[in-house]
Protein backbone atom coordinates (compact mmCIF):
# COMPACT_ATOMS: atom_id res chain seq x y z
CA MET A 1 -139.65 30.04 56.37
CA THR A 2 -139.57 27.74 53.33
CA ASP A 3 -137.65 28.90 50.31
CA ILE A 4 -139.97 29.32 47.33
CA LYS A 5 -137.66 27.21 45.16
CA SER A 6 -137.49 24.34 47.62
CA PRO A 7 -139.17 21.00 46.87
CA ALA A 8 -141.21 21.32 50.08
CA PHE A 9 -142.74 24.59 48.95
CA ASN A 10 -143.51 23.24 45.50
CA ARG A 11 -145.25 20.14 46.91
CA GLY A 12 -147.34 22.22 49.27
CA GLN A 13 -148.29 24.77 46.60
CA HIS A 14 -148.96 21.93 44.18
CA ARG A 15 -151.46 20.36 46.59
CA ARG A 16 -153.21 23.65 47.18
CA ASN A 17 -153.46 24.28 43.40
CA ALA A 18 -154.76 20.78 42.73
CA THR A 19 -157.46 21.23 45.45
CA SER A 20 -158.43 24.65 44.01
CA ALA A 21 -158.68 23.16 40.52
CA ASP A 22 -160.91 20.33 41.78
CA LEU A 23 -163.20 22.83 43.46
CA LEU A 24 -163.38 25.00 40.39
CA ARG A 25 -164.18 21.92 38.29
CA CYS A 26 -167.04 21.04 40.66
CA LEU A 27 -168.40 24.54 40.22
CA GLY A 28 -168.25 24.13 36.42
CA LYS A 29 -165.39 26.62 36.03
CA TYR A 30 -163.32 24.50 33.66
CA VAL A 31 -161.30 27.29 32.11
CA GLN A 32 -160.05 28.43 35.52
CA ALA A 33 -159.38 24.83 36.61
CA ALA A 34 -157.35 24.20 33.47
CA GLY A 35 -155.36 27.37 34.07
CA ILE A 36 -154.41 26.29 37.57
CA LEU A 37 -153.47 22.79 36.37
CA ARG A 38 -151.25 24.35 33.73
CA GLN A 39 -149.49 26.31 36.49
CA ASN A 40 -148.91 23.04 38.35
CA LEU A 41 -147.33 21.51 35.22
CA GLU A 42 -144.97 24.46 34.98
CA MET A 43 -144.11 24.16 38.65
CA SER A 44 -143.56 20.39 38.61
CA SER A 45 -142.05 18.05 36.08
CA THR A 46 -142.87 14.35 35.85
CA TYR A 47 -143.53 14.04 39.55
CA PHE A 48 -147.20 14.89 39.14
CA ILE A 49 -148.32 12.88 36.20
CA SER A 50 -151.85 12.91 37.53
CA ASP A 51 -151.98 16.65 36.90
CA ARG A 52 -151.51 15.89 33.23
CA ASN A 53 -154.50 13.58 33.28
CA SER A 54 -156.60 16.18 35.07
CA LEU A 55 -155.58 18.87 32.60
CA SER A 56 -156.39 16.60 29.69
CA ASP A 57 -159.85 15.92 31.20
CA ARG A 58 -160.50 19.67 31.67
CA LEU A 59 -159.43 20.43 28.11
CA ARG A 60 -161.71 17.72 26.80
CA GLU A 61 -164.59 19.18 28.80
CA LEU A 62 -163.89 22.52 27.13
CA GLY A 63 -163.91 20.84 23.69
CA ASP A 64 -160.18 21.38 23.21
CA TYR A 65 -159.46 17.90 22.00
CA GLU A 66 -156.19 18.91 20.25
CA GLY A 67 -154.90 20.34 23.46
CA ALA A 68 -155.91 17.20 25.35
CA ILE A 69 -154.20 15.07 22.71
CA LYS A 70 -150.91 16.94 23.23
CA ILE A 71 -151.10 16.45 26.98
CA ASP A 72 -151.99 12.79 26.65
CA GLU A 73 -149.13 12.10 24.24
CA VAL A 74 -146.63 13.40 26.75
CA THR A 75 -148.36 11.68 29.69
CA ILE A 76 -148.42 8.25 28.07
CA LEU A 77 -144.68 8.39 27.50
CA ALA A 78 -144.06 9.23 31.11
CA ARG A 79 -146.50 6.56 32.34
CA GLN A 80 -145.04 3.87 30.14
CA GLN A 81 -141.62 4.45 31.69
CA ILE A 82 -143.16 3.75 35.10
CA ASP A 83 -145.50 0.87 34.31
CA GLN A 84 -146.22 -0.39 30.80
CA GLU A 85 -149.42 -2.27 31.69
CA GLY A 86 -150.57 -0.34 34.81
CA GLU A 87 -154.26 0.77 34.93
CA ASP A 88 -153.20 4.48 34.94
CA THR A 89 -151.13 3.87 31.82
CA ILE A 90 -153.99 2.14 30.07
CA ALA A 91 -156.46 4.82 31.16
CA THR A 92 -154.20 7.46 29.63
CA LEU A 93 -153.93 5.37 26.47
CA GLN A 94 -157.75 5.16 26.35
CA SER A 95 -158.02 8.92 26.91
CA LEU A 96 -155.62 9.63 24.02
CA ALA A 97 -157.61 7.27 21.79
CA ASP A 98 -160.86 8.89 22.79
CA ASN A 99 -159.54 12.35 22.06
CA LEU A 100 -158.20 11.24 18.67
CA SER A 101 -161.62 9.76 17.82
CA GLN A 102 -163.29 13.00 18.78
CA VAL A 103 -161.37 14.88 16.10
CA GLY A 104 -161.85 12.14 13.49
CA LYS A 105 -158.38 10.63 13.69
CA TYR A 106 -159.73 7.06 13.84
CA GLN A 107 -156.72 5.50 12.06
CA LYS A 108 -154.52 6.73 14.94
CA ALA A 109 -157.10 5.80 17.61
CA ILE A 110 -157.71 2.24 16.58
CA PRO A 111 -154.24 0.80 17.40
CA LEU A 112 -154.35 2.58 20.76
CA TYR A 113 -157.79 1.05 21.53
CA ARG A 114 -156.50 -2.36 20.46
CA SER A 115 -153.49 -2.06 22.72
CA ALA A 116 -155.62 -0.84 25.66
CA LEU A 117 -158.11 -3.65 25.01
CA ALA A 118 -155.51 -6.38 24.97
CA THR A 119 -154.04 -5.19 28.25
CA ARG A 120 -157.47 -4.78 29.87
CA ILE A 121 -158.53 -8.24 28.86
CA LYS A 122 -155.29 -9.63 30.26
CA THR A 123 -155.43 -7.67 33.55
CA LEU A 124 -159.13 -7.11 34.18
CA GLY A 125 -160.90 -9.84 32.18
CA GLY A 126 -163.24 -9.65 29.27
CA LYS A 127 -166.34 -8.68 31.25
CA HIS A 128 -164.97 -5.79 33.31
CA GLU A 129 -166.75 -2.48 32.70
CA ASP A 130 -163.51 -0.77 31.58
CA THR A 131 -162.80 -3.59 29.13
CA LEU A 132 -166.30 -3.34 27.72
CA ALA A 133 -166.02 0.47 27.39
CA THR A 134 -162.78 0.00 25.41
CA LYS A 135 -164.45 -2.62 23.18
CA HIS A 136 -167.33 -0.20 22.53
CA ASN A 137 -164.99 2.69 21.66
CA LEU A 138 -162.93 0.46 19.38
CA ALA A 139 -166.06 -0.70 17.59
CA SER A 140 -167.31 2.82 17.20
CA SER A 141 -164.02 3.92 15.60
CA LEU A 142 -164.05 0.95 13.30
CA TYR A 143 -167.65 1.73 12.37
CA GLU A 144 -166.74 5.33 11.50
CA LEU A 145 -164.18 3.97 9.03
CA GLY A 146 -166.64 1.50 7.58
CA GLN A 147 -164.75 -1.48 8.93
CA VAL A 148 -167.63 -3.02 10.93
């Protein structure tokens, strides 16, 4: 029998929890999905960065932008240690900027959008759909501040 504190148990339980959270999300049960993802974060540390992104997404779906911002801020630090310009890092940066924009913190969102945009242009090109989405969100934030 596997010890409950062993890494093997935690990985197995983590996978089952992640699957349960995905199913609950598909059923529209975002509060329950977010609760399970929070349990996974308590169980694991930086090994499951993707859980942080999933939790941020669930909180955003629930309208808890401040909660999503807190998760994204921690996640971006962990991702940047792994790969400064990786697509997952840039996606998390975009998520943080999007959440900041949702609560009217455009001044904080704009530099993040600019950073994400520069990296996306460099890695994906100027016409990629993710690059264009970042351009759009940057323009929207600039517009909200009367800078466009």
